[in-house]
């Protein structure tokens, strides 16, 4: 049963990065294309998915606390600075979404549009540090600045936002009006080239770190990172359009770091699962909730998928 919940936890984490990833990425690049007047239509493109996507992170936290409570405490306490930073970024991003249209003044809207960008960036950087530290091995107390801010973790604090930027731009190219396509193609090409360089360095560096610290046996956990490199290379070798293949490949690029981090953390998780009774109760009540999360997500995607226009209502 603990293996089943480990797979469920991994699937939820991948789902979060794939789905919430394009919202974070779209927030990161907000205002980097078109004009200020295009901000409204840009927010309308990803706003319907915000609340549904955030539920995936809640589900990840619930499964981690319910199925692996001992390790959850160690991970949260070991990564406490980045957890707090991510929560602050999350609040700032959502505040920007909620308050941006509460007044009609241009200065007011620009202020909260910048809050969306800043909050998305803060949350993306925090997740980058989390991924980088998990790839180095599940951290635990006491906190050490030298460990938490190791060069490899800092590298991921830059790499993950770049990957999210590619994913967000691919999503916007699928959703935004045609007059923005040329701007989005240029932006997508630049972000993809940057992400490809960073991901290549992170994948190669991760392989070296794994071999040096854990011997050849630690290398397989880092191999998924090269999937991100391959996906970004494919995206960069073709026109950056709004096709589903580009979005699917950017989803691969943004999710495989979570897969690699999960493979590194899996032995620690499997060593300290919850009791059999607790897992049975979690299975009885949790699976129904997880099915509901998936159903709602599919419904939201089918309902709101399609191009938006300047007169499309925004949820925020």
C-alpha atoms as a PDB file:
ATOM      1  CA  UNK A   1       0.000   0.000   0.000  1.00  0.00           C
ATOM      2  CA  UNK A   2       2.870   2.391   0.737  1.00  0.00           C
ATOM      3  CA  UNK A   3       4.179   1.880  -2.811  1.00  0.00           C
ATOM      4  CA  UNK A   4       0.755   2.787  -4.189  1.00  0.00           C
ATOM      5  CA  UNK A   5       0.671   6.013  -2.205  1.00  0.00           C
ATOM      6  CA  UNK A   6       4.213   6.831  -3.249  1.00  0.00           C
ATOM      7  CA  UNK A   7       3.105   6.584  -6.886  1.00  0.00           C
ATOM      8  CA  UNK A   8       0.020   8.681  -6.140  1.00  0.00           C
ATOM      9  CA  UNK A   9       2.187  11.313  -4.466  1.00  0.00           C
ATOM     10  CA  UNK A  10       4.489  11.420  -7.485  1.00  0.00           C
ATOM     11  CA  UNK A  11       1.567  11.678  -9.894  1.00  0.00           C
ATOM     12  CA  UNK A  12       0.054  14.558  -7.930  1.00  0.00           C
ATOM     13  CA  UNK A  13       3.364  16.412  -7.847  1.00  0.00           C
ATOM     14  CA  UNK A  14       3.797  15.982 -11.597  1.00  0.00           C
ATOM     15  CA  UNK A  15       0.204  17.124 -12.116  1.00  0.00           C
ATOM     16  CA  UNK A  16       0.885  20.236 -10.066  1.00  0.00           C
ATOM     17  CA  UNK A  17       3.926  21.235 -12.089  1.00  0.00           C
ATOM     18  CA  UNK A  18       2.214  20.525 -15.408  1.00  0.00           C
ATOM     19  CA  UNK A  19      -0.996  22.408 -14.583  1.00  0.00           C
ATOM     20  CA  UNK A  20      -0.044  25.091 -12.081  1.00  0.00           C
ATOM     21  CA  UNK A  21       3.253  25.365 -13.974  1.00  0.00           C
ATOM     22  CA  UNK A  22       1.682  27.081 -16.972  1.00  0.00           C
ATOM     23  CA  UNK A  23      -0.076  29.557 -14.664  1.00  0.00           C
ATOM     24  CA  UNK A  24       3.189  30.369 -12.891  1.00  0.00           C
ATOM     25  CA  UNK A  25       4.985  30.618 -16.225  1.00  0.00           C
ATOM     26  CA  UNK A  26       2.305  32.858 -17.702  1.00  0.00           C
ATOM     27  CA  UNK A  27       2.586  35.097 -14.648  1.00  0.00           C
ATOM     28  CA  UNK A  28       6.368  35.246 -15.015  1.00  0.00           C
ATOM     29  CA  UNK A  29       6.235  36.504 -18.615  1.00  0.00           C
ATOM     30  CA  UNK A  30       3.228  38.789 -18.127  1.00  0.00           C
ATOM     31  CA  UNK A  31       3.931  42.118 -19.829  1.00  0.00           C
ATOM     32  CA  UNK A  32       6.882  40.799 -21.872  1.00  0.00           C
ATOM     33  CA  UNK A  33       4.832  40.844 -25.086  1.00  0.00           C
ATOM     34  CA  UNK A  34       2.222  43.050 -26.705  1.00  0.00           C
ATOM     35  CA  UNK A  35       1.161  46.277 -24.960  1.00  0.00           C
ATOM     36  CA  UNK A  36      -0.187  47.180 -21.553  1.00  0.00           C
ATOM     37  CA  UNK A  37      -3.695  46.797 -22.941  1.00  0.00           C
ATOM     38  CA  UNK A  38      -2.976  43.109 -23.545  1.00  0.00           C
ATOM     39  CA  UNK A  39      -2.565  42.431 -19.816  1.00  0.00           C
ATOM     40  CA  UNK A  40      -6.308  41.967 -19.320  1.00  0.00           C
ATOM     41  CA  UNK A  41      -6.650  39.373 -22.065  1.00  0.00           C
ATOM     42  CA  UNK A  42      -3.505  37.629 -20.811  1.00  0.00           C
ATOM     43  CA  UNK A  43      -4.905  37.270 -17.292  1.00  0.00           C
ATOM     44  CA  UNK A  44      -8.217  36.116 -18.752  1.00  0.00           C
ATOM     45  CA  UNK A  45      -6.298  33.359 -20.561  1.00  0.00           C
ATOM     46  CA  UNK A  46      -5.042  31.637 -17.418  1.00  0.00           C
ATOM     47  CA  UNK A  47      -7.366  32.938 -14.671  1.00  0.00           C
ATOM     48  CA  UNK A  48     -10.046  30.212 -15.030  1.00  0.00           C
ATOM     49  CA  UNK A  49      -7.464  27.552 -14.173  1.00  0.00           C
ATOM     50  CA  UNK A  50      -5.855  29.165 -11.108  1.00  0.00           C
ATOM     51  CA  UNK A  51      -8.058  27.824  -8.328  1.00  0.00           C
ATOM     52  CA  UNK A  52      -8.423  24.336  -9.803  1.00  0.00           C
ATOM     53  CA  UNK A  53      -4.662  24.043 -10.313  1.00  0.00           C
ATOM     54  CA  UNK A  54      -3.835  25.125  -6.751  1.00  0.00           C
ATOM     55  CA  UNK A  55      -5.839  22.184  -5.415  1.00  0.00           C
ATOM     56  CA  UNK A  56      -3.115  19.854  -6.710  1.00  0.00           C
ATOM     57  CA  UNK A  57      -0.606  21.304  -4.253  1.00  0.00           C
ATOM     58  CA  UNK A  58      -3.108  20.920  -1.429  1.00  0.00           C
ATOM     59  CA  UNK A  59      -3.525  17.283  -2.467  1.00  0.00           C
ATOM     60  CA  UNK A  60       0.270  16.797  -2.507  1.00  0.00           C
ATOM     61  CA  UNK A  61       0.532  18.192   1.033  1.00  0.00           C
ATOM     62  CA  UNK A  62      -2.374  16.044   2.216  1.00  0.00           C
ATOM     63  CA  UNK A  63      -0.921  12.817   0.815  1.00  0.00           C
ATOM     64  CA  UNK A  64       2.555  13.622   2.137  1.00  0.00           C
ATOM     65  CA  UNK A  65       1.222  14.300   5.645  1.00  0.00           C
ATOM     66  CA  UNK A  66      -1.139  11.320   5.621  1.00  0.00           C
ATOM     67  CA  UNK A  67       1.029   8.637   4.018  1.00  0.00           C
ATOM     68  CA  UNK A  68       4.552   9.737   5.036  1.00  0.00           C
ATOM     69  CA  UNK A  69       4.136  11.952   8.137  1.00  0.00           C
ATOM     70  CA  UNK A  70       7.630  11.479   9.583  1.00  0.00           C
ATOM     71  CA  UNK A  71       9.431  12.376   6.369  1.00  0.00           C
ATOM     72  CA  UNK A  72       6.996  15.217   5.709  1.00  0.00           C
ATOM     73  CA  UNK A  73       8.037  16.843   8.973  1.00  0.00           C
ATOM     74  CA  UNK A  74      11.717  16.482   8.115  1.00  0.00           C
ATOM     75  CA  UNK A  75      11.296  17.864   4.589  1.00  0.00           C
ATOM     76  CA  UNK A  76       9.170  20.837   5.652  1.00  0.00           C
ATOM     77  CA  UNK A  77      11.479  21.750   8.523  1.00  0.00           C
ATOM     78  CA  UNK A  78      14.594  21.167   6.426  1.00  0.00           C
ATOM     79  CA  UNK A  79      13.307  23.432   3.647  1.00  0.00           C
ATOM     80  CA  UNK A  80      11.537  25.896   5.924  1.00  0.00           C
ATOM     81  CA  UNK A  81      12.981  29.125   4.406  1.00  0.00           C
ATOM     82  CA  UNK A  82      11.838  28.149   0.923  1.00  0.00           C
ATOM     83  CA  UNK A  83       8.429  26.950   2.109  1.00  0.00           C
ATOM     84  CA  UNK A  84       7.831  30.352   3.709  1.00  0.00           C
ATOM     85  CA  UNK A  85       9.182  32.182   0.663  1.00  0.00           C
ATOM     86  CA  UNK A  86       6.930  30.157  -1.620  1.00  0.00           C
ATOM     87  CA  UNK A  87       3.878  30.888   0.525  1.00  0.00           C
ATOM     88  CA  UNK A  88       4.676  34.613   0.457  1.00  0.00           C
ATOM     89  CA  UNK A  89       5.006  34.485  -3.327  1.00  0.00           C
ATOM     90  CA  UNK A  90       1.745  32.560  -3.593  1.00  0.00           C
ATOM     91  CA  UNK A  91      -0.086  35.211  -1.535  1.00  0.00           C
ATOM     92  CA  UNK A  92       1.417  38.097  -3.533  1.00  0.00           C
ATOM     93  CA  UNK A  93       0.542  36.450  -6.862  1.00  0.00           C
ATOM     94  CA  UNK A  94      -3.046  35.746  -5.810  1.00  0.00           C
ATOM     95  CA  UNK A  95      -3.423  39.226  -4.322  1.00  0.00           C
ATOM     96  CA  UNK A  96      -2.403  40.662  -7.686  1.00  0.00           C
ATOM     97  CA  UNK A  97      -5.033  38.562  -9.415  1.00  0.00           C
ATOM     98  CA  UNK A  98      -7.791  39.500  -6.974  1.00  0.00           C
ATOM     99  CA  UNK A  99      -7.066  43.232  -6.629  1.00  0.00           C
ATOM    100  CA  UNK A 100      -5.982  44.168 -10.163  1.00  0.00           C
ATOM    101  CA  UNK A 101      -9.472  44.983 -11.459  1.00  0.00           C
ATOM    102  CA  UNK A 102     -10.900  46.386  -8.219  1.00  0.00           C
ATOM    103  CA  UNK A 103     -10.191  49.911  -9.490  1.00  0.00           C
ATOM    104  CA  UNK A 104     -10.119  51.339 -12.984  1.00  0.00           C
ATOM    105  CA  UNK A 105      -6.993  53.485 -12.712  1.00  0.00           C
ATOM    106  CA  UNK A 106      -4.045  52.556 -14.905  1.00  0.00           C
ATOM    107  CA  UNK A 107      -1.499  52.945 -12.088  1.00  0.00           C
ATOM    108  CA  UNK A 108      -3.535  50.635  -9.848  1.00  0.00           C
ATOM    109  CA  UNK A 109      -3.725  47.933 -12.511  1.00  0.00           C
ATOM    110  CA  UNK A 110      -0.023  48.190 -13.329  1.00  0.00           C
ATOM    111  CA  UNK A 111       0.845  47.869  -9.626  1.00  0.00           C
ATOM    112  CA  UNK A 112      -1.056  44.618  -9.221  1.00  0.00           C
ATOM    113  CA  UNK A 113       0.102  43.285 -12.590  1.00  0.00           C
ATOM    114  CA  UNK A 114       3.657  43.690 -11.290  1.00  0.00           C
ATOM    115  CA  UNK A 115       2.552  41.870  -8.135  1.00  0.00           C
ATOM    116  CA  UNK A 116       1.483  38.928 -10.301  1.00  0.00           C
ATOM    117  CA  UNK A 117       4.923  38.840 -11.932  1.00  0.00           C
ATOM    118  CA  UNK A 118       6.785  39.274  -8.637  1.00  0.00           C
ATOM    119  CA  UNK A 119       4.708  36.690  -6.788  1.00  0.00           C
ATOM    120  CA  UNK A 120       5.014  34.169  -9.607  1.00  0.00           C
ATOM    121  CA  UNK A 121       8.766  34.715  -9.714  1.00  0.00           C
ATOM    122  CA  UNK A 122       9.148  34.358  -5.951  1.00  0.00           C
ATOM    123  CA  UNK A 123       7.164  31.115  -5.926  1.00  0.00           C
ATOM    124  CA  UNK A 124       9.083  29.763  -8.940  1.00  0.00           C
ATOM    125  CA  UNK A 125      12.461  30.532  -7.341  1.00  0.00           C
ATOM    126  CA  UNK A 126      11.350  28.934  -4.073  1.00  0.00           C
ATOM    127  CA  UNK A 127      10.310  25.783  -5.935  1.00  0.00           C
ATOM    128  CA  UNK A 128      13.659  25.826  -7.728  1.00  0.00           C
ATOM    129  CA  UNK A 129      15.491  25.789  -4.401  1.00  0.00           C
ATOM    130  CA  UNK A 130      13.226  22.986  -3.150  1.00  0.00           C
ATOM    131  CA  UNK A 131      13.887  20.863  -6.248  1.00  0.00           C
ATOM    132  CA  UNK A 132      17.611  21.565  -6.146  1.00  0.00           C
ATOM    133  CA  UNK A 133      17.888  20.604  -2.485  1.00  0.00           C
ATOM    134  CA  UNK A 134      15.806  17.459  -2.932  1.00  0.00           C
ATOM    135  CA  UNK A 135      18.036  16.398  -5.819  1.00  0.00           C
ATOM    136  CA  UNK A 136      20.967  16.682  -3.423  1.00  0.00           C
ATOM    137  CA  UNK A 137      19.137  14.425  -0.966  1.00  0.00           C
ATOM    138  CA  UNK A 138      16.190  14.977   1.408  1.00  0.00           C
ATOM    139  CA  UNK A 139      17.347  17.708   3.816  1.00  0.00           C
ATOM    140  CA  UNK A 140      16.734  17.720   7.514  1.00  0.00           C
ATOM    141  CA  UNK A 141      17.415  19.888  10.536  1.00  0.00           C
ATOM    142  CA  UNK A 142      19.468  21.647  11.643  1.00  0.00           C
ATOM    143  CA  UNK A 143      19.271  24.287   8.929  1.00  0.00           C
ATOM    144  CA  UNK A 144      22.528  25.193   7.232  1.00  0.00           C
ATOM    145  CA  UNK A 145      22.863  28.094   4.807  1.00  0.00           C
ATOM    146  CA  UNK A 146      25.821  26.374   3.169  1.00  0.00           C
ATOM    147  CA  UNK A 147      23.658  23.337   2.419  1.00  0.00           C
ATOM    148  CA  UNK A 148      20.394  25.052   1.509  1.00  0.00           C
ATOM    149  CA  UNK A 149      22.152  27.515  -0.796  1.00  0.00           C
ATOM    150  CA  UNK A 150      24.606  25.069  -2.328  1.00  0.00           C
ATOM    151  CA  UNK A 151      25.655  26.001  -5.887  1.00  0.00           C
ATOM    152  CA  UNK A 152      23.565  23.191  -7.389  1.00  0.00           C
ATOM    153  CA  UNK A 153      20.458  24.363  -5.518  1.00  0.00           C
ATOM    154  CA  UNK A 154      21.098  27.941  -6.692  1.00  0.00           C
ATOM    155  CA  UNK A 155      21.377  26.637 -10.249  1.00  0.00           C
ATOM    156  CA  UNK A 156      17.885  25.159  -9.969  1.00  0.00           C
ATOM    157  CA  UNK A 157      16.571  28.413  -8.525  1.00  0.00           C
ATOM    158  CA  UNK A 158      17.355  29.904 -11.947  1.00  0.00           C
ATOM    159  CA  UNK A 159      16.633  26.861 -14.123  1.00  0.00           C
ATOM    160  CA  UNK A 160      13.132  26.055 -12.899  1.00  0.00           C
ATOM    161  CA  UNK A 161      11.754  29.585 -13.520  1.00  0.00           C
ATOM    162  CA  UNK A 162      13.159  29.370 -17.062  1.00  0.00           C
ATOM    163  CA  UNK A 163      11.398  26.035 -17.613  1.00  0.00           C
ATOM    164  CA  UNK A 164       8.180  27.497 -16.230  1.00  0.00           C
ATOM    165  CA  UNK A 165       8.596  30.477 -18.555  1.00  0.00           C
ATOM    166  CA  UNK A 166       8.709  28.144 -21.565  1.00  0.00           C
ATOM    167  CA  UNK A 167       5.628  26.269 -20.355  1.00  0.00           C
ATOM    168  CA  UNK A 168       3.705  29.462 -19.659  1.00  0.00           C
ATOM    169  CA  UNK A 169       4.574  30.986 -23.028  1.00  0.00           C
ATOM    170  CA  UNK A 170       3.523  27.778 -24.807  1.00  0.00           C
ATOM    171  CA  UNK A 171       0.187  27.930 -22.990  1.00  0.00           C
ATOM    172  CA  UNK A 172      -0.322  31.606 -23.867  1.00  0.00           C
ATOM    173  CA  UNK A 173       0.518  30.940 -27.520  1.00  0.00           C
ATOM    174  CA  UNK A 174      -2.345  28.433 -27.489  1.00  0.00           C
ATOM    175  CA  UNK A 175      -4.815  30.770 -25.774  1.00  0.00           C
ATOM    176  CA  UNK A 176      -4.103  34.374 -26.753  1.00  0.00           C
ATOM    177  CA  UNK A 177      -5.445  36.187 -29.865  1.00  0.00           C
ATOM    178  CA  UNK A 178      -3.645  35.860 -33.170  1.00  0.00           C
ATOM    179  CA  UNK A 179      -2.267  39.425 -33.170  1.00  0.00           C
ATOM    180  CA  UNK A 180       0.059  38.444 -30.306  1.00  0.00           C
ATOM    181  CA  UNK A 181       1.467  35.342 -31.970  1.00  0.00           C
ATOM    182  CA  UNK A 182       4.565  36.971 -33.447  1.00  0.00           C
ATOM    183  CA  UNK A 183       5.497  38.491 -30.070  1.00  0.00           C
ATOM    184  CA  UNK A 184       4.930  35.174 -28.311  1.00  0.00           C
ATOM    185  CA  UNK A 185       7.001  33.290 -30.894  1.00  0.00           C
ATOM    186  CA  UNK A 186       9.957  35.609 -30.341  1.00  0.00           C
ATOM    187  CA  UNK A 187       9.566  35.437 -26.568  1.00  0.00           C
ATOM    188  CA  UNK A 188       9.179  31.659 -26.664  1.00  0.00           C
ATOM    189  CA  UNK A 189      12.312  31.268 -28.740  1.00  0.00           C
ATOM    190  CA  UNK A 190      14.399  33.380 -26.341  1.00  0.00           C
ATOM    191  CA  UNK A 191      13.099  31.675 -23.202  1.00  0.00           C
ATOM    192  CA  UNK A 192      13.552  28.220 -24.737  1.00  0.00           C
ATOM    193  CA  UNK A 193      17.183  28.894 -25.649  1.00  0.00           C
ATOM    194  CA  UNK A 194      17.898  30.142 -22.127  1.00  0.00           C
ATOM    195  CA  UNK A 195      16.101  27.184 -20.537  1.00  0.00           C
ATOM    196  CA  UNK A 196      17.944  24.710 -22.793  1.00  0.00           C
ATOM    197  CA  UNK A 197      21.345  26.011 -21.685  1.00  0.00           C
ATOM    198  CA  UNK A 198      20.393  26.009 -18.007  1.00  0.00           C
ATOM    199  CA  UNK A 199      18.719  22.593 -18.148  1.00  0.00           C
ATOM    200  CA  UNK A 200      21.738  21.097 -19.910  1.00  0.00           C
ATOM    201  CA  UNK A 201      24.063  22.406 -17.208  1.00  0.00           C
ATOM    202  CA  UNK A 202      21.688  21.246 -14.452  1.00  0.00           C
ATOM    203  CA  UNK A 203      21.300  17.764 -15.938  1.00  0.00           C
ATOM    204  CA  UNK A 204      25.031  17.275 -16.475  1.00  0.00           C
ATOM    205  CA  UNK A 205      25.849  18.770 -13.091  1.00  0.00           C
ATOM    206  CA  UNK A 206      23.272  16.570 -11.395  1.00  0.00           C
ATOM    207  CA  UNK A 207      24.828  13.463 -12.899  1.00  0.00           C
ATOM    208  CA  UNK A 208      28.259  14.512 -11.660  1.00  0.00           C
ATOM    209  CA  UNK A 209      26.938  15.360  -8.186  1.00  0.00           C
ATOM    210  CA  UNK A 210      25.096  12.028  -7.949  1.00  0.00           C
ATOM    211  CA  UNK A 211      28.186  10.018  -8.900  1.00  0.00           C
ATOM    212  CA  UNK A 212      30.503  11.995  -6.593  1.00  0.00           C
ATOM    213  CA  UNK A 213      28.231  11.869  -3.552  1.00  0.00           C
ATOM    214  CA  UNK A 214      26.506   8.522  -3.956  1.00  0.00           C
ATOM    215  CA  UNK A 215      28.545   6.578  -6.466  1.00  0.00           C
ATOM    216  CA  UNK A 216      27.258   5.232  -9.793  1.00  0.00           C
ATOM    217  CA  UNK A 217      24.130   3.912  -8.044  1.00  0.00           C
ATOM    218  CA  UNK A 218      22.822   7.458  -7.613  1.00  0.00           C
ATOM    219  CA  UNK A 219      23.078   8.359 -11.288  1.00  0.00           C
ATOM    220  CA  UNK A 220      19.816   6.760 -12.552  1.00  0.00           C
ATOM    221  CA  UNK A 221      17.696   9.152 -10.488  1.00  0.00           C
ATOM    222  CA  UNK A 222      19.194  12.067 -12.458  1.00  0.00           C
ATOM    223  CA  UNK A 223      18.557  10.595 -15.889  1.00  0.00           C
ATOM    224  CA  UNK A 224      15.008  12.048 -16.215  1.00  0.00           C
ATOM    225  CA  UNK A 225      16.593  15.511 -16.258  1.00  0.00           C
ATOM    226  CA  UNK A 226      17.917  14.768 -19.733  1.00  0.00           C
ATOM    227  CA  UNK A 227      14.297  14.359 -20.810  1.00  0.00           C
ATOM    228  CA  UNK A 228      13.864  18.072 -20.154  1.00  0.00           C
ATOM    229  CA  UNK A 229      16.914  18.807 -22.298  1.00  0.00           C
ATOM    230  CA  UNK A 230      15.546  16.684 -25.156  1.00  0.00           C
ATOM    231  CA  UNK A 231      12.093  18.305 -24.936  1.00  0.00           C
ATOM    232  CA  UNK A 232      13.544  21.821 -24.973  1.00  0.00           C
ATOM    233  CA  UNK A 233      15.813  20.970 -27.893  1.00  0.00           C
ATOM    234  CA  UNK A 234      12.813  19.743 -29.878  1.00  0.00           C
ATOM    235  CA  UNK A 235      10.821  22.886 -29.038  1.00  0.00           C
ATOM    236  CA  UNK A 236      13.731  25.121 -30.014  1.00  0.00           C
ATOM    237  CA  UNK A 237      14.282  23.356 -33.335  1.00  0.00           C
ATOM    238  CA  UNK A 238      10.807  24.233 -34.633  1.00  0.00           C
ATOM    239  CA  UNK A 239       8.575  27.324 -34.784  1.00  0.00           C
ATOM    240  CA  UNK A 240       7.205  28.219 -31.359  1.00  0.00           C
ATOM    241  CA  UNK A 241       3.490  28.119 -32.147  1.00  0.00           C
ATOM    242  CA  UNK A 242       0.363  27.378 -30.161  1.00  0.00           C
ATOM    243  CA  UNK A 243       0.268  23.714 -31.105  1.00  0.00           C
ATOM    244  CA  UNK A 244      -0.525  21.037 -28.581  1.00  0.00           C
ATOM    245  CA  UNK A 245       2.792  19.285 -29.185  1.00  0.00           C
ATOM    246  CA  UNK A 246       4.801  22.292 -27.984  1.00  0.00           C
ATOM    247  CA  UNK A 247       2.636  22.554 -24.870  1.00  0.00           C
ATOM    248  CA  UNK A 248       2.995  18.812 -24.205  1.00  0.00           C
ATOM    249  CA  UNK A 249       6.778  18.952 -24.561  1.00  0.00           C
ATOM    250  CA  UNK A 250       7.035  21.996 -22.308  1.00  0.00           C
ATOM    251  CA  UNK A 251       4.960  20.046 -19.784  1.00  0.00           C
ATOM    252  CA  UNK A 252       7.548  17.250 -19.957  1.00  0.00           C
ATOM    253  CA  UNK A 253      10.378  19.727 -19.461  1.00  0.00           C
ATOM    254  CA  UNK A 254       8.787  21.314 -16.396  1.00  0.00           C
ATOM    255  CA  UNK A 255       7.730  18.048 -14.729  1.00  0.00           C
ATOM    256  CA  UNK A 256      10.808  15.811 -15.031  1.00  0.00           C
ATOM    257  CA  UNK A 257      12.734  17.745 -12.325  1.00  0.00           C
ATOM    258  CA  UNK A 258       9.960  16.759  -9.910  1.00  0.00           C
ATOM    259  CA  UNK A 259      10.248  13.147 -11.107  1.00  0.00           C
ATOM    260  CA  UNK A 260      14.003  13.156 -10.499  1.00  0.00           C
ATOM    261  CA  UNK A 261      13.566  14.737  -7.060  1.00  0.00           C
ATOM    262  CA  UNK A 262      10.974  12.088  -6.244  1.00  0.00           C
ATOM    263  CA  UNK A 263      13.311   9.276  -7.248  1.00  0.00           C
ATOM    264  CA  UNK A 264      16.028  10.686  -4.998  1.00  0.00           C
ATOM    265  CA  UNK A 265      13.578  11.064  -2.091  1.00  0.00           C
ATOM    266  CA  UNK A 266      11.790   7.726  -2.595  1.00  0.00           C
ATOM    267  CA  UNK A 267      14.076   5.600  -0.347  1.00  0.00           C
ATOM    268  CA  UNK A 268      13.561   7.983   2.587  1.00  0.00           C
ATOM    269  CA  UNK A 269       9.804   8.037   2.016  1.00  0.00           C
ATOM    270  CA  UNK A 270       9.566   4.255   1.755  1.00  0.00           C
ATOM    271  CA  UNK A 271      11.597   3.826   4.943  1.00  0.00           C
ATOM    272  CA  UNK A 272       9.073   5.758   7.043  1.00  0.00           C
ATOM    273  CA  UNK A 273       5.505   5.214   5.779  1.00  0.00           C
ATOM    274  CA  UNK A 274       2.432   5.661   7.939  1.00  0.00           C
ATOM    275  CA  UNK A 275       0.998   2.649   9.734  1.00  0.00           C
ATOM    276  CA  UNK A 276      -1.053   0.135   7.814  1.00  0.00           C
ATOM    277  CA  UNK A 277      -4.229   1.282   9.561  1.00  0.00           C
ATOM    278  CA  UNK A 278      -3.552   4.918   8.708  1.00  0.00           C
ATOM    279  CA  UNK A 279      -2.932   4.031   5.064  1.00  0.00           C
ATOM    280  CA  UNK A 280      -6.161   2.023   4.990  1.00  0.00           C
ATOM    281  CA  UNK A 281      -8.135   5.005   6.311  1.00  0.00           C
ATOM    282  CA  UNK A 282      -6.354   7.307   3.850  1.00  0.00           C
ATOM    283  CA  UNK A 283      -7.241   4.947   1.021  1.00  0.00           C
ATOM    284  CA  UNK A 284     -10.893   4.784   2.069  1.00  0.00           C
ATOM    285  CA  UNK A 285     -11.353   8.551   2.160  1.00  0.00           C
ATOM    286  CA  UNK A 286      -8.538   9.909   0.040  1.00  0.00           C
ATOM    287  CA  UNK A 287      -9.058   8.122  -3.251  1.00  0.00           C
ATOM    288  CA  UNK A 288     -12.540   9.573  -3.670  1.00  0.00           C
ATOM    289  CA  UNK A 289     -11.181  13.085  -3.111  1.00  0.00           C
ATOM    290  CA  UNK A 290      -8.379  12.495  -5.608  1.00  0.00           C
ATOM    291  CA  UNK A 291     -10.841  11.291  -8.228  1.00  0.00           C
ATOM    292  CA  UNK A 292     -12.899  14.442  -7.633  1.00  0.00           C
ATOM    293  CA  UNK A 293      -9.795  16.613  -8.137  1.00  0.00           C
ATOM    294  CA  UNK A 294      -9.090  14.943 -11.481  1.00  0.00           C
ATOM    295  CA  UNK A 295     -12.719  15.198 -12.628  1.00  0.00           C
ATOM    296  CA  UNK A 296     -12.915  18.905 -11.769  1.00  0.00           C
ATOM    297  CA  UNK A 297      -9.622  19.558 -13.561  1.00  0.00           C
ATOM    298  CA  UNK A 298     -10.792  17.782 -16.730  1.00  0.00           C
ATOM    299  CA  UNK A 299     -14.103  19.649 -16.598  1.00  0.00           C
ATOM    300  CA  UNK A 300     -12.366  23.027 -16.198  1.00  0.00           C
ATOM    301  CA  UNK A 301     -10.005  22.322 -19.094  1.00  0.00           C
ATOM    302  CA  UNK A 302     -12.797  21.213 -21.430  1.00  0.00           C
ATOM    303  CA  UNK A 303     -14.946  24.190 -20.463  1.00  0.00           C
ATOM    304  CA  UNK A 304     -12.339  26.936 -20.832  1.00  0.00           C
ATOM    305  CA  UNK A 305      -9.957  25.582 -23.465  1.00  0.00           C
ATOM    306  CA  UNK A 306      -9.871  27.784 -26.561  1.00  0.00           C
ATOM    307  CA  UNK A 307      -8.667  31.217 -27.577  1.00  0.00           C
ATOM    308  CA  UNK A 308      -9.607  34.286 -25.592  1.00  0.00           C
ATOM    309  CA  UNK A 309     -10.409  37.689 -27.057  1.00  0.00           C
ATOM    310  CA  UNK A 310     -10.266  41.250 -25.652  1.00  0.00           C
ATOM    311  CA  UNK A 311     -13.923  41.026 -24.623  1.00  0.00           C
ATOM    312  CA  UNK A 312     -13.569  37.651 -22.880  1.00  0.00           C
ATOM    313  CA  UNK A 313     -14.640  37.924 -19.204  1.00  0.00           C
ATOM    314  CA  UNK A 314     -11.822  37.565 -16.691  1.00  0.00           C
ATOM    315  CA  UNK A 315     -12.299  35.683 -13.451  1.00  0.00           C
ATOM    316  CA  UNK A 316     -10.009  38.143 -11.674  1.00  0.00           C
END
